[in-house]
């Protein structure tokens, strides 16, 4: 017997009045799902990604699915200038950051606390 997909649970305004920033949110994976759920829960959302076209497509999908157009910012999380620009845009557009979802995946062989900015 095939597994049944669980019923969808609509939002309950749990993030009403909050701001959420999600990195690597232009695909169809965890980042996009977090951004969508945050919007469904009433948050104002900023999504970022390194891929400009996919970022625009994700913003279009989020608007169609949630009725909210997210703020977008191109960001390569391995570039400190891009990360600084992401935070500057978030504060300028959203006023503050209540939730930050660092979704962009990075590989490495060091413990996070031991990594340098360059790593």
C-alpha atoms as a PDB file:
ATOM      1  CA  UNK A   1       0.000   0.000   0.000  1.00  0.00           C
ATOM      2  CA  UNK A   2       1.538   3.370  -1.011  1.00  0.00           C
ATOM      3  CA  UNK A   3       2.192   5.976   1.654  1.00  0.00           C
ATOM      4  CA  UNK A   4      -0.484   8.628   1.954  1.00  0.00           C
ATOM      5  CA  UNK A   5       0.458  12.283   1.745  1.00  0.00           C
ATOM      6  CA  UNK A   6      -0.549  14.031   4.964  1.00  0.00           C
ATOM      7  CA  UNK A   7      -3.283  16.646   4.815  1.00  0.00           C
ATOM      8  CA  UNK A   8      -2.058  20.208   4.340  1.00  0.00           C
ATOM      9  CA  UNK A   9      -2.333  22.354   7.462  1.00  0.00           C
ATOM     10  CA  UNK A  10      -3.060  26.025   6.690  1.00  0.00           C
ATOM     11  CA  UNK A  11      -1.199  28.823   8.468  1.00  0.00           C
ATOM     12  CA  UNK A  12      -2.275  30.141  11.860  1.00  0.00           C
ATOM     13  CA  UNK A  13      -0.604  33.601  11.734  1.00  0.00           C
ATOM     14  CA  UNK A  14       2.162  32.353  14.033  1.00  0.00           C
ATOM     15  CA  UNK A  15       4.648  34.771  12.433  1.00  0.00           C
ATOM     16  CA  UNK A  16       2.299  37.720  11.949  1.00  0.00           C
ATOM     17  CA  UNK A  17       4.307  40.943  12.129  1.00  0.00           C
ATOM     18  CA  UNK A  18       7.652  39.133  11.986  1.00  0.00           C
ATOM     19  CA  UNK A  19      10.345  39.285   9.318  1.00  0.00           C
ATOM     20  CA  UNK A  20      12.110  36.230   7.908  1.00  0.00           C
ATOM     21  CA  UNK A  21      15.239  36.064   5.732  1.00  0.00           C
ATOM     22  CA  UNK A  22      16.011  32.784   3.945  1.00  0.00           C
ATOM     23  CA  UNK A  23      19.211  32.079   1.996  1.00  0.00           C
ATOM     24  CA  UNK A  24      19.317  29.623  -0.926  1.00  0.00           C
ATOM     25  CA  UNK A  25      15.555  29.854  -1.362  1.00  0.00           C
ATOM     26  CA  UNK A  26      15.275  29.851  -5.163  1.00  0.00           C
ATOM     27  CA  UNK A  27      14.936  26.132  -5.700  1.00  0.00           C
ATOM     28  CA  UNK A  28      12.267  23.658  -4.707  1.00  0.00           C
ATOM     29  CA  UNK A  29      13.909  22.433  -1.519  1.00  0.00           C
ATOM     30  CA  UNK A  30      14.088  23.339   2.142  1.00  0.00           C
ATOM     31  CA  UNK A  31      14.827  27.047   1.646  1.00  0.00           C
ATOM     32  CA  UNK A  32      11.826  27.587  -0.582  1.00  0.00           C
ATOM     33  CA  UNK A  33       9.600  25.527   1.727  1.00  0.00           C
ATOM     34  CA  UNK A  34      10.681  27.578   4.758  1.00  0.00           C
ATOM     35  CA  UNK A  35      10.033  30.845   2.896  1.00  0.00           C
ATOM     36  CA  UNK A  36       6.610  29.643   1.785  1.00  0.00           C
ATOM     37  CA  UNK A  37       5.585  28.485   5.237  1.00  0.00           C
ATOM     38  CA  UNK A  38       6.827  31.705   6.823  1.00  0.00           C
ATOM     39  CA  UNK A  39       4.714  33.719   4.370  1.00  0.00           C
ATOM     40  CA  UNK A  40       1.719  31.464   5.049  1.00  0.00           C
ATOM     41  CA  UNK A  41       2.197  32.116   8.768  1.00  0.00           C
ATOM     42  CA  UNK A  42       2.048  35.877   8.157  1.00  0.00           C
ATOM     43  CA  UNK A  43       5.728  36.856   8.034  1.00  0.00           C
ATOM     44  CA  UNK A  44       7.189  39.393   5.652  1.00  0.00           C
ATOM     45  CA  UNK A  45       9.811  37.382   3.765  1.00  0.00           C
ATOM     46  CA  UNK A  46      13.100  38.125   2.026  1.00  0.00           C
ATOM     47  CA  UNK A  47      14.539  35.332  -0.103  1.00  0.00           C
ATOM     48  CA  UNK A  48      18.058  35.239  -1.469  1.00  0.00           C
ATOM     49  CA  UNK A  49      19.996  33.045  -3.840  1.00  0.00           C
ATOM     50  CA  UNK A  50      22.994  33.186  -6.145  1.00  0.00           C
ATOM     51  CA  UNK A  51      20.862  32.438  -9.230  1.00  0.00           C
ATOM     52  CA  UNK A  52      19.071  35.607 -10.387  1.00  0.00           C
ATOM     53  CA  UNK A  53      16.607  33.965 -12.796  1.00  0.00           C
ATOM     54  CA  UNK A  54      15.620  31.228 -10.349  1.00  0.00           C
ATOM     55  CA  UNK A  55      15.287  33.813  -7.581  1.00  0.00           C
ATOM     56  CA  UNK A  56      12.784  35.766  -9.677  1.00  0.00           C
ATOM     57  CA  UNK A  57      10.886  32.584 -10.517  1.00  0.00           C
ATOM     58  CA  UNK A  58      10.747  31.631  -6.832  1.00  0.00           C
ATOM     59  CA  UNK A  59       9.408  35.090  -5.947  1.00  0.00           C
ATOM     60  CA  UNK A  60       6.720  34.711  -8.618  1.00  0.00           C
ATOM     61  CA  UNK A  61       5.751  31.268  -7.243  1.00  0.00           C
ATOM     62  CA  UNK A  62       5.639  32.525  -3.656  1.00  0.00           C
ATOM     63  CA  UNK A  63       3.420  35.413  -4.652  1.00  0.00           C
ATOM     64  CA  UNK A  64       1.073  33.094  -6.559  1.00  0.00           C
ATOM     65  CA  UNK A  65       0.941  30.565  -3.705  1.00  0.00           C
ATOM     66  CA  UNK A  66       0.745  32.919  -0.715  1.00  0.00           C
ATOM     67  CA  UNK A  67      -0.458  36.264  -2.041  1.00  0.00           C
ATOM     68  CA  UNK A  68       2.705  37.897  -0.716  1.00  0.00           C
ATOM     69  CA  UNK A  69       5.535  39.116  -2.963  1.00  0.00           C
ATOM     70  CA  UNK A  70       8.818  38.488  -1.116  1.00  0.00           C
ATOM     71  CA  UNK A  71      11.713  40.906  -1.179  1.00  0.00           C
ATOM     72  CA  UNK A  72      14.575  39.375  -3.175  1.00  0.00           C
ATOM     73  CA  UNK A  73      18.341  39.806  -2.997  1.00  0.00           C
ATOM     74  CA  UNK A  74      20.986  38.054  -5.060  1.00  0.00           C
ATOM     75  CA  UNK A  75      23.586  36.689  -2.658  1.00  0.00           C
ATOM     76  CA  UNK A  76      26.585  34.403  -2.926  1.00  0.00           C
ATOM     77  CA  UNK A  77      27.046  33.435   0.717  1.00  0.00           C
ATOM     78  CA  UNK A  78      30.741  32.741   0.102  1.00  0.00           C
ATOM     79  CA  UNK A  79      31.263  36.446  -0.699  1.00  0.00           C
ATOM     80  CA  UNK A  80      31.376  38.690   2.374  1.00  0.00           C
ATOM     81  CA  UNK A  81      30.305  41.743   0.359  1.00  0.00           C
ATOM     82  CA  UNK A  82      27.206  39.909  -0.879  1.00  0.00           C
ATOM     83  CA  UNK A  83      26.333  38.863   2.671  1.00  0.00           C
ATOM     84  CA  UNK A  84      26.747  42.432   3.939  1.00  0.00           C
ATOM     85  CA  UNK A  85      24.506  43.643   1.084  1.00  0.00           C
ATOM     86  CA  UNK A  86      21.918  40.990   2.001  1.00  0.00           C
ATOM     87  CA  UNK A  87      21.713  42.240   5.581  1.00  0.00           C
ATOM     88  CA  UNK A  88      21.663  45.885   4.471  1.00  0.00           C
ATOM     89  CA  UNK A  89      18.769  45.153   2.108  1.00  0.00           C
ATOM     90  CA  UNK A  90      16.916  43.174   4.768  1.00  0.00           C
ATOM     91  CA  UNK A  91      17.140  45.994   7.297  1.00  0.00           C
ATOM     92  CA  UNK A  92      16.312  48.676   4.702  1.00  0.00           C
ATOM     93  CA  UNK A  93      13.318  46.789   3.255  1.00  0.00           C
ATOM     94  CA  UNK A  94      12.006  44.930   6.307  1.00  0.00           C
ATOM     95  CA  UNK A  95      13.108  47.227   9.122  1.00  0.00           C
ATOM     96  CA  UNK A  96      14.668  44.391  11.096  1.00  0.00           C
ATOM     97  CA  UNK A  97      15.371  40.654  10.956  1.00  0.00           C
ATOM     98  CA  UNK A  98      13.410  38.469  13.366  1.00  0.00           C
ATOM     99  CA  UNK A  99      14.306  35.096  11.848  1.00  0.00           C
ATOM    100  CA  UNK A 100      17.341  34.177   9.748  1.00  0.00           C
ATOM    101  CA  UNK A 101      17.360  30.799   7.995  1.00  0.00           C
ATOM    102  CA  UNK A 102      20.925  30.108   6.868  1.00  0.00           C
ATOM    103  CA  UNK A 103      19.942  27.470   4.348  1.00  0.00           C
ATOM    104  CA  UNK A 104      22.775  27.814   1.822  1.00  0.00           C
ATOM    105  CA  UNK A 105      24.863  24.655   1.940  1.00  0.00           C
ATOM    106  CA  UNK A 106      28.600  24.890   2.241  1.00  0.00           C
ATOM    107  CA  UNK A 107      31.068  22.052   2.360  1.00  0.00           C
ATOM    108  CA  UNK A 108      34.048  21.959   4.633  1.00  0.00           C
ATOM    109  CA  UNK A 109      36.202  19.805   6.814  1.00  0.00           C
ATOM    110  CA  UNK A 110      36.517  22.064   9.859  1.00  0.00           C
ATOM    111  CA  UNK A 111      34.177  22.550  12.783  1.00  0.00           C
ATOM    112  CA  UNK A 112      32.072  25.673  12.319  1.00  0.00           C
ATOM    113  CA  UNK A 113      33.559  27.362  15.392  1.00  0.00           C
ATOM    114  CA  UNK A 114      37.067  26.800  13.994  1.00  0.00           C
ATOM    115  CA  UNK A 115      36.368  28.102  10.473  1.00  0.00           C
ATOM    116  CA  UNK A 116      37.788  31.374   9.228  1.00  0.00           C
ATOM    117  CA  UNK A 117      35.764  33.786   7.092  1.00  0.00           C
ATOM    118  CA  UNK A 118      37.676  32.557   4.049  1.00  0.00           C
ATOM    119  CA  UNK A 119      36.663  28.945   4.680  1.00  0.00           C
END
